[in-house]
Amino acid sequence: MTHIYVVRHGESEGNKIDAFVGSTDVPLTPLGMKQAELTAKYLKDVDFSAIYTSDLMRARQTAAPSEKIHNLKAVPEPAFREIFGGDWERKPYHDLINLYPETYSVWINDIASARADNGESVAELYQRVTEKLKELAIKHEGENILVFTHATPVRAIMCMAKGMPLKKLGEIPWVSNASVTELEYKDGKFTLLTEGYDHHLGNLSTHLSEDV
């Protein structure tokens, strides 16, 4: 059995400006750095054999305190990047419905079928994220691993682990910044143990905009 802890990155500058940053490389805010430290402390007693992280800055910075505590170097993994938003990148959420009414409406109402204009589809993200997670689960049989990623990949992982079809992705809630989602992998099957746990953050917990 493989035990997997999946962490969404801390609050980023993209979250702060309330824009669709997708694969745009932005850093954590000072609050995001504090969230990363609190999550690292929450997980300090878990014996991890490996740490993996999206290669985007906000995920790597969230991984840094855990790297230090566990004396492990995080392996950058592009498969865990946030979705590439194409023409939507860095645009405020409240502008997207006016600029791209048809495609952004799909994102809001049927996210499983969505594709940003000139960007990546949610189905493509789902495939790359879940395939990589399964690969790592098999590679690290009998071990604990830690993965740092983003909001849409966490949602995809939860959908897969619940055994739900992709078309039901919209029923999976967004998780908060620096929250922890736990899974185990055994006999070719994922089981979801904890969904977006963030009690360790106390009043420092932050969430995605209601416009997403």
N, C-alpha and C. Protein backbone atom coordinates (compact mmCIF):
# COMPACT_ATOMS: atom_id res chain seq x y z
N MET A 1 0.84 -1.19 0.00
CA MET A 1 0.00 0.00 0.00
C MET A 1 0.88 1.25 0.00
N THR A 2 0.50 2.22 -0.79
CA THR A 2 1.19 3.50 -0.84
C THR A 2 0.28 4.57 -0.23
N HIS A 3 0.87 5.39 0.65
CA HIS A 3 0.11 6.47 1.26
C HIS A 3 0.57 7.78 0.63
N ILE A 4 -0.37 8.55 0.11
CA ILE A 4 -0.05 9.78 -0.63
C ILE A 4 -0.73 10.98 0.02
N TYR A 5 0.06 12.00 0.27
CA TYR A 5 -0.44 13.26 0.80
C TYR A 5 -0.32 14.30 -0.31
N VAL A 6 -1.44 14.90 -0.69
CA VAL A 6 -1.47 15.88 -1.78
C VAL A 6 -1.79 17.25 -1.18
N VAL A 7 -0.88 18.21 -1.42
CA VAL A 7 -1.02 19.55 -0.86
C VAL A 7 -1.23 20.57 -1.97
N ARG A 8 -2.26 21.37 -1.84
CA ARG A 8 -2.40 22.51 -2.75
C ARG A 8 -1.44 23.62 -2.28
N HIS A 9 -0.89 24.38 -3.21
CA HIS A 9 0.03 25.45 -2.85
C HIS A 9 -0.63 26.49 -1.94
N GLY A 10 0.21 27.24 -1.23
CA GLY A 10 -0.27 28.33 -0.39
C GLY A 10 -0.79 29.49 -1.21
N GLU A 11 -1.32 30.48 -0.53
CA GLU A 11 -1.85 31.65 -1.23
C GLU A 11 -0.76 32.26 -2.11
N SER A 12 -1.10 32.51 -3.37
CA SER A 12 -0.14 33.07 -4.32
C SER A 12 -0.53 34.50 -4.70
N GLU A 13 0.37 35.16 -5.37
CA GLU A 13 0.06 36.51 -5.86
C GLU A 13 -1.11 36.46 -6.84
N GLY A 14 -1.25 35.35 -7.55
CA GLY A 14 -2.39 35.19 -8.46
C GLY A 14 -3.70 35.12 -7.71
N ASN A 15 -3.71 34.40 -6.57
CA ASN A 15 -4.92 34.35 -5.75
C ASN A 15 -5.27 35.73 -5.23
N LYS A 16 -4.26 36.49 -4.87
CA LYS A 16 -4.47 37.80 -4.26
C LYS A 16 -5.11 38.79 -5.22
N ILE A 17 -4.74 38.70 -6.51
CA ILE A 17 -5.32 39.62 -7.50
C ILE A 17 -6.61 39.06 -8.10
N ASP A 18 -6.99 37.84 -7.64
CA ASP A 18 -8.26 37.25 -8.06
C ASP A 18 -8.33 37.08 -9.58
N ALA A 19 -7.24 36.52 -10.14
CA ALA A 19 -7.17 36.32 -11.58
C ALA A 19 -6.93 34.85 -11.91
N PHE A 20 -7.22 34.48 -13.15
CA PHE A 20 -6.98 33.13 -13.62
C PHE A 20 -5.50 33.05 -14.03
N VAL A 21 -4.66 32.52 -13.15
CA VAL A 21 -3.23 32.47 -13.48
C VAL A 21 -2.82 31.16 -14.14
N GLY A 22 -3.57 30.08 -13.91
CA GLY A 22 -3.25 28.83 -14.59
C GLY A 22 -1.79 28.46 -14.47
N SER A 23 -1.11 28.37 -15.62
CA SER A 23 0.30 27.99 -15.64
C SER A 23 1.26 29.18 -15.58
N THR A 24 0.72 30.39 -15.41
CA THR A 24 1.58 31.56 -15.23
C THR A 24 2.37 31.38 -13.93
N ASP A 25 3.66 31.68 -13.97
CA ASP A 25 4.52 31.43 -12.81
C ASP A 25 4.51 32.63 -11.88
N VAL A 26 3.83 32.49 -10.77
CA VAL A 26 3.74 33.56 -9.77
C VAL A 26 4.19 33.02 -8.42
N PRO A 27 4.74 33.88 -7.55
CA PRO A 27 5.22 33.43 -6.24
C PRO A 27 4.11 33.40 -5.20
N LEU A 28 4.43 32.84 -4.06
CA LEU A 28 3.53 32.90 -2.91
C LEU A 28 3.54 34.31 -2.32
N THR A 29 2.46 34.64 -1.66
CA THR A 29 2.41 35.85 -0.84
C THR A 29 3.08 35.54 0.51
N PRO A 30 3.37 36.54 1.32
CA PRO A 30 3.87 36.26 2.67
C PRO A 30 2.93 35.34 3.46
N LEU A 31 1.62 35.53 3.29
CA LEU A 31 0.67 34.64 3.95
C LEU A 31 0.82 33.22 3.43
N GLY A 32 1.01 33.09 2.11
CA GLY A 32 1.19 31.78 1.52
C GLY A 32 2.42 31.07 2.06
N MET A 33 3.49 31.81 2.31
CA MET A 33 4.69 31.23 2.89
C MET A 33 4.41 30.73 4.31
N LYS A 34 3.64 31.50 5.08
CA LYS A 34 3.28 31.07 6.43
C LYS A 34 2.41 29.82 6.38
N GLN A 35 1.48 29.77 5.43
CA GLN A 35 0.65 28.58 5.27
C GLN A 35 1.50 27.35 4.96
N ALA A 36 2.50 27.53 4.10
CA ALA A 36 3.40 26.43 3.74
C ALA A 36 4.13 25.90 4.98
N GLU A 37 4.57 26.81 5.83
CA GLU A 37 5.28 26.42 7.05
C GLU A 37 4.36 25.65 7.99
N LEU A 38 3.12 26.10 8.12
CA LEU A 38 2.16 25.43 9.00
C LEU A 38 1.82 24.04 8.49
N THR A 39 1.70 23.90 7.18
CA THR A 39 1.42 22.57 6.61
C THR A 39 2.60 21.65 6.80
N ALA A 40 3.81 22.17 6.64
CA ALA A 40 5.01 21.35 6.86
C ALA A 40 5.06 20.86 8.31
N LYS A 41 4.72 21.73 9.25
CA LYS A 41 4.72 21.34 10.66
C LYS A 41 3.64 20.30 10.93
N TYR A 42 2.49 20.46 10.29
CA TYR A 42 1.40 19.49 10.46
C TYR A 42 1.83 18.09 10.01
N LEU A 43 2.65 18.02 8.97
CA LEU A 43 3.07 16.74 8.40
C LEU A 43 4.46 16.30 8.87
N LYS A 44 5.01 16.96 9.85
CA LYS A 44 6.41 16.73 10.23
C LYS A 44 6.69 15.32 10.74
N ASP A 45 5.70 14.65 11.31
CA ASP A 45 5.93 13.32 11.88
C ASP A 45 5.69 12.18 10.90
N VAL A 46 5.30 12.50 9.67
CA VAL A 46 5.12 11.46 8.66
C VAL A 46 6.48 11.13 8.05
N ASP A 47 6.78 9.85 7.92
CA ASP A 47 8.06 9.41 7.37
C ASP A 47 7.95 9.31 5.84
N PHE A 48 8.26 10.40 5.16
CA PHE A 48 8.16 10.43 3.71
C PHE A 48 9.43 9.87 3.06
N SER A 49 9.24 9.12 1.98
CA SER A 49 10.39 8.62 1.22
C SER A 49 10.70 9.51 0.03
N ALA A 50 9.72 10.33 -0.39
CA ALA A 50 9.94 11.20 -1.55
C ALA A 50 8.94 12.35 -1.53
N ILE A 51 9.38 13.48 -2.10
CA ILE A 51 8.53 14.65 -2.28
C ILE A 51 8.53 15.01 -3.76
N TYR A 52 7.35 15.25 -4.30
CA TYR A 52 7.21 15.68 -5.69
C TYR A 52 6.45 17.00 -5.71
N THR A 53 6.78 17.84 -6.68
CA THR A 53 6.10 19.13 -6.76
C THR A 53 5.92 19.57 -8.20
N SER A 54 4.81 20.22 -8.46
CA SER A 54 4.67 20.97 -9.72
C SER A 54 5.90 21.85 -9.86
N ASP A 55 6.33 22.06 -11.10
CA ASP A 55 7.53 22.88 -11.31
C ASP A 55 7.24 24.38 -11.27
N LEU A 56 6.00 24.77 -11.03
CA LEU A 56 5.68 26.19 -10.92
C LEU A 56 6.10 26.73 -9.55
N MET A 57 6.50 27.99 -9.52
CA MET A 57 7.10 28.60 -8.34
C MET A 57 6.25 28.48 -7.08
N ARG A 58 4.96 28.71 -7.20
CA ARG A 58 4.12 28.72 -6.01
C ARG A 58 4.04 27.35 -5.35
N ALA A 59 4.11 26.29 -6.14
CA ALA A 59 4.13 24.94 -5.58
C ALA A 59 5.50 24.63 -4.99
N ARG A 60 6.56 25.00 -5.70
CA ARG A 60 7.92 24.74 -5.20
C ARG A 60 8.18 25.48 -3.89
N GLN A 61 7.67 26.71 -3.79
CA GLN A 61 7.85 27.46 -2.54
C GLN A 61 7.05 26.84 -1.40
N THR A 62 5.89 26.27 -1.71
CA THR A 62 5.10 25.60 -0.69
C THR A 62 5.81 24.33 -0.21
N ALA A 63 6.51 23.68 -1.11
CA ALA A 63 7.24 22.45 -0.76
C ALA A 63 8.48 22.71 0.08
N ALA A 64 9.05 23.91 -0.02
CA ALA A 64 10.35 24.20 0.59
C ALA A 64 10.42 23.90 2.09
N PRO A 65 9.46 24.34 2.91
CA PRO A 65 9.56 24.02 4.34
C PRO A 65 9.52 22.52 4.62
N SER A 66 8.77 21.76 3.83
CA SER A 66 8.71 20.31 4.01
C SER A 66 10.02 19.65 3.59
N GLU A 67 10.64 20.19 2.53
CA GLU A 67 11.96 19.68 2.13
C GLU A 67 12.94 19.80 3.29
N LYS A 68 12.92 20.93 3.96
CA LYS A 68 13.84 21.19 5.06
C LYS A 68 13.58 20.26 6.24
N ILE A 69 12.31 20.14 6.62
CA ILE A 69 11.96 19.29 7.77
C ILE A 69 12.31 17.83 7.53
N HIS A 70 12.07 17.34 6.32
CA HIS A 70 12.27 15.92 6.03
C HIS A 70 13.62 15.62 5.38
N ASN A 71 14.41 16.67 5.17
CA ASN A 71 15.73 16.50 4.56
C ASN A 71 15.63 15.75 3.23
N LEU A 72 14.67 16.15 2.42
CA LEU A 72 14.45 15.56 1.11
C LEU A 72 14.40 16.66 0.06
N LYS A 73 14.94 16.40 -1.11
CA LYS A 73 14.87 17.34 -2.23
C LYS A 73 13.63 17.01 -3.06
N ALA A 74 12.74 17.98 -3.20
CA ALA A 74 11.53 17.76 -4.00
C ALA A 74 11.88 17.58 -5.47
N VAL A 75 11.24 16.62 -6.10
CA VAL A 75 11.44 16.35 -7.52
C VAL A 75 10.43 17.17 -8.32
N PRO A 76 10.87 18.08 -9.18
CA PRO A 76 9.94 18.86 -10.00
C PRO A 76 9.22 17.95 -11.00
N GLU A 77 7.91 18.06 -11.07
CA GLU A 77 7.13 17.20 -11.96
C GLU A 77 6.10 18.05 -12.72
N PRO A 78 6.37 18.37 -13.99
CA PRO A 78 5.46 19.20 -14.78
C PRO A 78 4.04 18.62 -14.89
N ALA A 79 3.89 17.32 -14.74
CA ALA A 79 2.56 16.71 -14.83
C ALA A 79 1.61 17.24 -13.76
N PHE A 80 2.16 17.78 -12.68
CA PHE A 80 1.33 18.30 -11.59
C PHE A 80 1.09 19.80 -11.69
N ARG A 81 1.43 20.40 -12.84
CA ARG A 81 1.16 21.83 -13.04
C ARG A 81 -0.34 22.12 -13.04
N GLU A 82 -0.66 23.39 -12.76
CA GLU A 82 -2.05 23.84 -12.93
C GLU A 82 -2.38 23.86 -14.42
N ILE A 83 -3.66 23.90 -14.74
CA ILE A 83 -4.11 23.90 -16.13
C ILE A 83 -3.56 25.12 -16.88
N PHE A 84 -3.23 24.92 -18.15
CA PHE A 84 -2.77 26.04 -18.98
C PHE A 84 -3.99 26.77 -19.51
N GLY A 85 -4.14 28.04 -19.12
CA GLY A 85 -5.34 28.80 -19.43
C GLY A 85 -5.36 29.52 -20.75
N GLY A 86 -4.31 29.37 -21.57
CA GLY A 86 -4.33 30.02 -22.88
C GLY A 86 -4.60 31.51 -22.79
N ASP A 87 -5.62 31.96 -23.52
CA ASP A 87 -5.96 33.40 -23.54
C ASP A 87 -6.51 33.91 -22.21
N TRP A 88 -6.86 33.01 -21.32
CA TRP A 88 -7.41 33.42 -20.02
C TRP A 88 -6.33 33.80 -19.01
N GLU A 89 -5.10 33.40 -19.28
CA GLU A 89 -4.03 33.59 -18.29
C GLU A 89 -3.92 35.05 -17.84
N ARG A 90 -3.89 35.23 -16.51
CA ARG A 90 -3.69 36.50 -15.82
C ARG A 90 -4.88 37.46 -15.95
N LYS A 91 -5.96 37.02 -16.53
CA LYS A 91 -7.14 37.89 -16.64
C LYS A 91 -8.01 37.73 -15.39
N PRO A 92 -8.54 38.84 -14.85
CA PRO A 92 -9.41 38.75 -13.67
C PRO A 92 -10.63 37.88 -13.96
N TYR A 93 -11.05 37.12 -12.95
CA TYR A 93 -12.19 36.23 -13.14
C TYR A 93 -13.43 37.01 -13.60
N HIS A 94 -13.64 38.18 -13.04
CA HIS A 94 -14.88 38.91 -13.37
C HIS A 94 -14.89 39.43 -14.81
N ASP A 95 -13.71 39.43 -15.48
CA ASP A 95 -13.65 39.85 -16.88
C ASP A 95 -13.87 38.70 -17.85
N LEU A 96 -13.62 37.48 -17.39
CA LEU A 96 -13.65 36.33 -18.31
C LEU A 96 -15.04 36.09 -18.89
N ILE A 97 -16.08 36.27 -18.09
CA ILE A 97 -17.43 36.00 -18.59
C ILE A 97 -17.82 36.99 -19.68
N ASN A 98 -17.25 38.19 -19.66
CA ASN A 98 -17.52 39.18 -20.70
C ASN A 98 -16.65 38.98 -21.93
N LEU A 99 -15.39 38.58 -21.70
CA LEU A 99 -14.46 38.39 -22.81
C LEU A 99 -14.69 37.07 -23.56
N TYR A 100 -15.03 36.03 -22.81
CA TYR A 100 -15.20 34.69 -23.39
C TYR A 100 -16.49 34.07 -22.85
N PRO A 101 -17.63 34.66 -23.20
CA PRO A 101 -18.89 34.23 -22.59
C PRO A 101 -19.24 32.76 -22.79
N GLU A 102 -18.96 32.24 -23.97
CA GLU A 102 -19.34 30.84 -24.24
C GLU A 102 -18.42 29.86 -23.53
N THR A 103 -17.12 30.03 -23.71
CA THR A 103 -16.18 29.06 -23.15
C THR A 103 -16.08 29.17 -21.63
N TYR A 104 -16.14 30.39 -21.09
CA TYR A 104 -16.04 30.51 -19.64
C TYR A 104 -17.32 30.04 -18.96
N SER A 105 -18.43 30.15 -19.64
CA SER A 105 -19.68 29.63 -19.11
C SER A 105 -19.60 28.11 -18.95
N VAL A 106 -18.92 27.45 -19.89
CA VAL A 106 -18.73 26.01 -19.76
C VAL A 106 -17.88 25.71 -18.52
N TRP A 107 -16.82 26.50 -18.30
CA TRP A 107 -15.96 26.32 -17.12
C TRP A 107 -16.79 26.42 -15.83
N ILE A 108 -17.70 27.38 -15.77
CA ILE A 108 -18.51 27.58 -14.57
C ILE A 108 -19.57 26.50 -14.40
N ASN A 109 -20.19 26.09 -15.50
CA ASN A 109 -21.36 25.21 -15.42
C ASN A 109 -21.10 23.74 -15.74
N ASP A 110 -20.01 23.44 -16.43
CA ASP A 110 -19.70 22.06 -16.82
C ASP A 110 -18.19 21.92 -16.97
N ILE A 111 -17.48 22.10 -15.84
CA ILE A 111 -16.03 22.21 -15.89
C ILE A 111 -15.35 21.00 -16.55
N ALA A 112 -15.94 19.82 -16.44
CA ALA A 112 -15.34 18.63 -17.04
C ALA A 112 -15.21 18.75 -18.55
N SER A 113 -16.07 19.56 -19.17
CA SER A 113 -16.06 19.73 -20.62
C SER A 113 -15.31 20.99 -21.06
N ALA A 114 -14.71 21.69 -20.11
CA ALA A 114 -14.15 23.00 -20.40
C ALA A 114 -12.76 22.95 -21.05
N ARG A 115 -12.52 23.96 -21.87
CA ARG A 115 -11.19 24.23 -22.42
C ARG A 115 -11.07 25.74 -22.55
N ALA A 116 -10.01 26.29 -21.95
CA ALA A 116 -9.75 27.71 -22.11
C ALA A 116 -9.44 28.02 -23.57
N ASP A 117 -9.77 29.22 -24.01
CA ASP A 117 -9.46 29.61 -25.38
C ASP A 117 -7.96 29.50 -25.63
N ASN A 118 -7.59 28.68 -26.62
CA ASN A 118 -6.18 28.41 -26.95
C ASN A 118 -5.41 27.81 -25.77
N GLY A 119 -6.13 27.10 -24.90
CA GLY A 119 -5.49 26.50 -23.74
C GLY A 119 -5.71 24.99 -23.67
N GLU A 120 -5.44 24.46 -22.50
CA GLU A 120 -5.55 23.03 -22.23
C GLU A 120 -6.96 22.70 -21.76
N SER A 121 -7.44 21.53 -22.11
CA SER A 121 -8.76 21.11 -21.65
C SER A 121 -8.64 20.47 -20.26
N VAL A 122 -9.73 20.49 -19.53
CA VAL A 122 -9.76 19.85 -18.22
C VAL A 122 -9.54 18.34 -18.38
N ALA A 123 -10.06 17.76 -19.44
CA ALA A 123 -9.85 16.33 -19.69
C ALA A 123 -8.37 16.01 -19.87
N GLU A 124 -7.65 16.88 -20.57
CA GLU A 124 -6.21 16.68 -20.75
C GLU A 124 -5.46 16.79 -19.43
N LEU A 125 -5.84 17.78 -18.61
CA LEU A 125 -5.24 17.90 -17.28
C LEU A 125 -5.52 16.64 -16.45
N TYR A 126 -6.75 16.21 -16.45
CA TYR A 126 -7.14 15.02 -15.68
C TYR A 126 -6.27 13.82 -16.05
N GLN A 127 -6.05 13.63 -17.33
CA GLN A 127 -5.27 12.49 -17.79
C GLN A 127 -3.82 12.57 -17.31
N ARG A 128 -3.19 13.73 -17.49
CA ARG A 128 -1.77 13.82 -17.13
C ARG A 128 -1.56 13.72 -15.62
N VAL A 129 -2.47 14.32 -14.84
CA VAL A 129 -2.32 14.30 -13.38
C VAL A 129 -2.56 12.90 -12.82
N THR A 130 -3.65 12.27 -13.21
CA THR A 130 -3.99 10.97 -12.63
C THR A 130 -3.03 9.88 -13.09
N GLU A 131 -2.57 9.95 -14.33
CA GLU A 131 -1.60 8.95 -14.81
C GLU A 131 -0.29 9.05 -14.04
N LYS A 132 0.17 10.27 -13.78
CA LYS A 132 1.42 10.45 -13.04
C LYS A 132 1.25 9.98 -11.60
N LEU A 133 0.10 10.27 -10.98
CA LEU A 133 -0.11 9.85 -9.61
C LEU A 133 -0.10 8.32 -9.50
N LYS A 134 -0.73 7.65 -10.45
CA LYS A 134 -0.73 6.19 -10.44
C LYS A 134 0.68 5.64 -10.63
N GLU A 135 1.43 6.26 -11.51
CA GLU A 135 2.82 5.84 -11.75
C GLU A 135 3.64 5.94 -10.46
N LEU A 136 3.49 7.04 -9.74
CA LEU A 136 4.24 7.24 -8.50
C LEU A 136 3.76 6.31 -7.39
N ALA A 137 2.45 6.05 -7.35
CA ALA A 137 1.91 5.14 -6.34
C ALA A 137 2.49 3.74 -6.49
N ILE A 138 2.64 3.31 -7.72
CA ILE A 138 3.23 1.99 -7.99
C ILE A 138 4.72 2.00 -7.68
N LYS A 139 5.39 3.06 -8.07
CA LYS A 139 6.83 3.18 -7.85
C LYS A 139 7.17 3.15 -6.37
N HIS A 140 6.32 3.76 -5.54
CA HIS A 140 6.60 3.89 -4.11
C HIS A 140 5.75 2.96 -3.26
N GLU A 141 5.51 1.78 -3.74
CA GLU A 141 4.74 0.78 -3.01
C GLU A 141 5.28 0.62 -1.58
N GLY A 142 4.36 0.71 -0.60
CA GLY A 142 4.75 0.53 0.79
C GLY A 142 5.35 1.76 1.44
N GLU A 143 5.31 2.91 0.75
CA GLU A 143 5.94 4.11 1.26
C GLU A 143 4.93 5.25 1.40
N ASN A 144 5.37 6.34 2.02
CA ASN A 144 4.60 7.58 2.10
C ASN A 144 5.23 8.60 1.18
N ILE A 145 4.45 9.24 0.34
CA ILE A 145 4.97 10.28 -0.54
C ILE A 145 4.14 11.55 -0.40
N LEU A 146 4.78 12.67 -0.72
CA LEU A 146 4.17 13.99 -0.57
C LEU A 146 4.19 14.69 -1.92
N VAL A 147 3.03 15.20 -2.34
CA VAL A 147 2.89 15.84 -3.65
C VAL A 147 2.34 17.25 -3.47
N PHE A 148 3.02 18.22 -4.07
CA PHE A 148 2.56 19.61 -4.04
C PHE A 148 2.04 20.00 -5.43
N THR A 149 0.81 20.48 -5.47
CA THR A 149 0.21 20.78 -6.77
C THR A 149 -0.75 21.96 -6.63
N HIS A 150 -1.82 21.97 -7.42
CA HIS A 150 -2.70 23.13 -7.56
C HIS A 150 -4.16 22.72 -7.43
N ALA A 151 -5.05 23.72 -7.48
CA ALA A 151 -6.47 23.48 -7.20
C ALA A 151 -7.14 22.52 -8.18
N THR A 152 -6.95 22.74 -9.48
CA THR A 152 -7.63 21.87 -10.45
C THR A 152 -7.07 20.45 -10.44
N PRO A 153 -5.75 20.26 -10.35
CA PRO A 153 -5.23 18.90 -10.19
C PRO A 153 -5.74 18.19 -8.95
N VAL A 154 -5.85 18.90 -7.82
CA VAL A 154 -6.39 18.26 -6.61
C VAL A 154 -7.83 17.81 -6.86
N ARG A 155 -8.58 18.64 -7.51
CA ARG A 155 -9.97 18.29 -7.82
C ARG A 155 -10.04 17.04 -8.71
N ALA A 156 -9.14 16.96 -9.69
CA ALA A 156 -9.08 15.80 -10.57
C ALA A 156 -8.71 14.54 -9.79
N ILE A 157 -7.75 14.66 -8.89
CA ILE A 157 -7.32 13.52 -8.08
C ILE A 157 -8.46 13.03 -7.20
N MET A 158 -9.18 13.95 -6.59
CA MET A 158 -10.30 13.56 -5.74
C MET A 158 -11.40 12.87 -6.53
N CYS A 159 -11.68 13.37 -7.71
CA CYS A 159 -12.69 12.77 -8.59
C CYS A 159 -12.31 11.34 -8.93
N MET A 160 -11.04 11.15 -9.32
CA MET A 160 -10.54 9.82 -9.66
C MET A 160 -10.61 8.88 -8.47
N ALA A 161 -10.15 9.36 -7.29
CA ALA A 161 -10.11 8.51 -6.11
C ALA A 161 -11.49 8.12 -5.62
N LYS A 162 -12.49 8.97 -5.86
CA LYS A 162 -13.87 8.66 -5.49
C LYS A 162 -14.53 7.70 -6.47
N GLY A 163 -13.83 7.39 -7.57
CA GLY A 163 -14.40 6.50 -8.57
C GLY A 163 -15.49 7.15 -9.39
N MET A 164 -15.47 8.49 -9.44
CA MET A 164 -16.49 9.22 -10.18
C MET A 164 -16.02 9.45 -11.61
N PRO A 165 -16.92 9.43 -12.60
CA PRO A 165 -16.52 9.75 -13.97
C PRO A 165 -16.15 11.22 -14.08
N LEU A 166 -15.33 11.55 -15.06
CA LEU A 166 -14.87 12.92 -15.23
C LEU A 166 -16.03 13.90 -15.34
N LYS A 167 -17.14 13.49 -15.94
CA LYS A 167 -18.27 14.40 -16.13
C LYS A 167 -18.85 14.88 -14.80
N LYS A 168 -18.49 14.20 -13.70
CA LYS A 168 -18.97 14.59 -12.37
C LYS A 168 -17.99 15.50 -11.64
N LEU A 169 -16.93 15.92 -12.32
CA LEU A 169 -15.90 16.73 -11.68
C LEU A 169 -16.46 17.97 -11.00
N GLY A 170 -17.48 18.57 -11.60
CA GLY A 170 -18.07 19.77 -11.04
C GLY A 170 -18.68 19.58 -9.67
N GLU A 171 -18.91 18.33 -9.27
CA GLU A 171 -19.46 18.05 -7.95
C GLU A 171 -18.38 18.01 -6.87
N ILE A 172 -17.12 18.03 -7.30
CA ILE A 172 -15.99 18.02 -6.36
C ILE A 172 -15.67 19.45 -5.97
N PRO A 173 -15.62 19.77 -4.69
CA PRO A 173 -15.35 21.16 -4.29
C PRO A 173 -13.89 21.55 -4.47
N TRP A 174 -13.65 22.85 -4.63
CA TRP A 174 -12.29 23.37 -4.61
C TRP A 174 -11.75 23.26 -3.19
N VAL A 175 -10.47 22.94 -3.06
CA VAL A 175 -9.86 22.89 -1.73
C VAL A 175 -9.16 24.21 -1.44
N SER A 176 -8.93 24.48 -0.18
CA SER A 176 -8.28 25.73 0.24
C SER A 176 -6.77 25.67 0.04
N ASN A 177 -6.13 26.83 0.12
CA ASN A 177 -4.68 26.91 -0.02
C ASN A 177 -3.98 26.13 1.10
N ALA A 178 -2.92 25.42 0.72
CA ALA A 178 -2.08 24.66 1.67
C ALA A 178 -2.85 23.59 2.43
N SER A 179 -3.99 23.17 1.90
CA SER A 179 -4.75 22.08 2.52
C SER A 179 -4.15 20.74 2.12
N VAL A 180 -4.49 19.71 2.90
CA VAL A 180 -3.93 18.37 2.71
C VAL A 180 -5.04 17.39 2.36
N THR A 181 -4.85 16.68 1.26
CA THR A 181 -5.76 15.62 0.85
C THR A 181 -4.98 14.30 0.89
N GLU A 182 -5.49 13.33 1.63
CA GLU A 182 -4.78 12.07 1.81
C GLU A 182 -5.47 10.93 1.05
N LEU A 183 -4.63 10.09 0.44
CA LEU A 183 -5.12 8.93 -0.29
C LEU A 183 -4.23 7.74 0.02
N GLU A 184 -4.78 6.55 -0.20
CA GLU A 184 -3.95 5.36 -0.20
C GLU A 184 -4.20 4.60 -1.49
N TYR A 185 -3.18 3.89 -1.93
CA TYR A 185 -3.27 3.11 -3.17
C TYR A 185 -2.93 1.66 -2.83
N LYS A 186 -3.87 0.77 -3.10
CA LYS A 186 -3.69 -0.64 -2.78
C LYS A 186 -4.42 -1.50 -3.81
N ASP A 187 -3.73 -2.51 -4.29
CA ASP A 187 -4.32 -3.45 -5.26
C ASP A 187 -4.93 -2.73 -6.46
N GLY A 188 -4.22 -1.71 -6.94
CA GLY A 188 -4.65 -1.00 -8.14
C GLY A 188 -5.78 -0.01 -7.94
N LYS A 189 -6.09 0.29 -6.68
CA LYS A 189 -7.22 1.17 -6.41
C LYS A 189 -6.84 2.27 -5.41
N PHE A 190 -7.29 3.49 -5.69
CA PHE A 190 -7.11 4.61 -4.77
C PHE A 190 -8.30 4.70 -3.82
N THR A 191 -8.02 5.06 -2.58
CA THR A 191 -9.07 5.34 -1.61
C THR A 191 -8.80 6.71 -1.01
N LEU A 192 -9.79 7.56 -0.99
CA LEU A 192 -9.65 8.91 -0.45
C LEU A 192 -9.88 8.86 1.05
N LEU A 193 -8.90 9.34 1.82
CA LEU A 193 -8.98 9.31 3.28
C LEU A 193 -9.37 10.65 3.88
N THR A 194 -8.80 11.73 3.35
CA THR A 194 -9.05 13.08 3.86
C THR A 194 -9.17 14.03 2.69
N GLU A 195 -10.16 14.91 2.72
CA GLU A 195 -10.38 15.85 1.62
C GLU A 195 -10.10 17.28 2.05
N GLY A 196 -9.04 17.87 1.53
CA GLY A 196 -8.76 19.28 1.75
C GLY A 196 -8.70 19.71 3.20
N TYR A 197 -8.04 18.93 4.04
CA TYR A 197 -7.94 19.26 5.47
C TYR A 197 -7.10 20.52 5.66
N ASP A 198 -7.65 21.49 6.40
CA ASP A 198 -6.90 22.74 6.62
C ASP A 198 -7.05 23.29 8.04
N HIS A 199 -7.48 22.45 8.98
CA HIS A 199 -7.68 22.92 10.35
C HIS A 199 -6.38 23.41 10.98
N HIS A 200 -5.27 22.88 10.51
CA HIS A 200 -3.97 23.29 11.06
C HIS A 200 -3.63 24.74 10.71
N LEU A 201 -4.36 25.32 9.76
CA LEU A 201 -4.10 26.70 9.35
C LEU A 201 -4.87 27.71 10.21
N GLY A 202 -5.84 27.23 10.95
CA GLY A 202 -6.62 28.13 11.80
C GLY A 202 -7.26 29.24 11.00
N ASN A 203 -7.12 30.49 11.47
CA ASN A 203 -7.73 31.63 10.78
C ASN A 203 -6.91 32.12 9.59
N LEU A 204 -5.86 31.40 9.23
CA LEU A 204 -5.05 31.75 8.06
C LEU A 204 -5.48 31.01 6.80
N SER A 205 -6.56 30.26 6.88
CA SER A 205 -7.07 29.53 5.72
C SER A 205 -7.62 30.49 4.67
N THR A 206 -7.29 30.26 3.38
CA THR A 206 -7.79 31.09 2.28
C THR A 206 -8.34 30.20 1.18
N HIS A 207 -9.30 30.74 0.42
CA HIS A 207 -10.02 29.95 -0.57
C HIS A 207 -10.06 30.67 -1.92
N LEU A 208 -10.43 29.92 -2.95
CA LEU A 208 -10.60 30.51 -4.27
C LEU A 208 -11.80 31.44 -4.30
N SER A 209 -11.75 32.39 -5.25
CA SER A 209 -12.85 33.32 -5.43
C SER A 209 -14.14 32.59 -5.76
N GLU A 210 -15.26 33.15 -5.34
CA GLU A 210 -16.57 32.57 -5.67
C GLU A 210 -16.89 32.72 -7.16
N ASP A 211 -16.07 33.53 -7.88
CA ASP A 211 -16.31 33.72 -9.32
C ASP A 211 -15.72 32.61 -10.18
N VAL A 212 -14.94 31.71 -9.56
CA VAL A 212 -14.27 30.65 -10.33
C VAL A 212 -15.28 29.65 -10.82
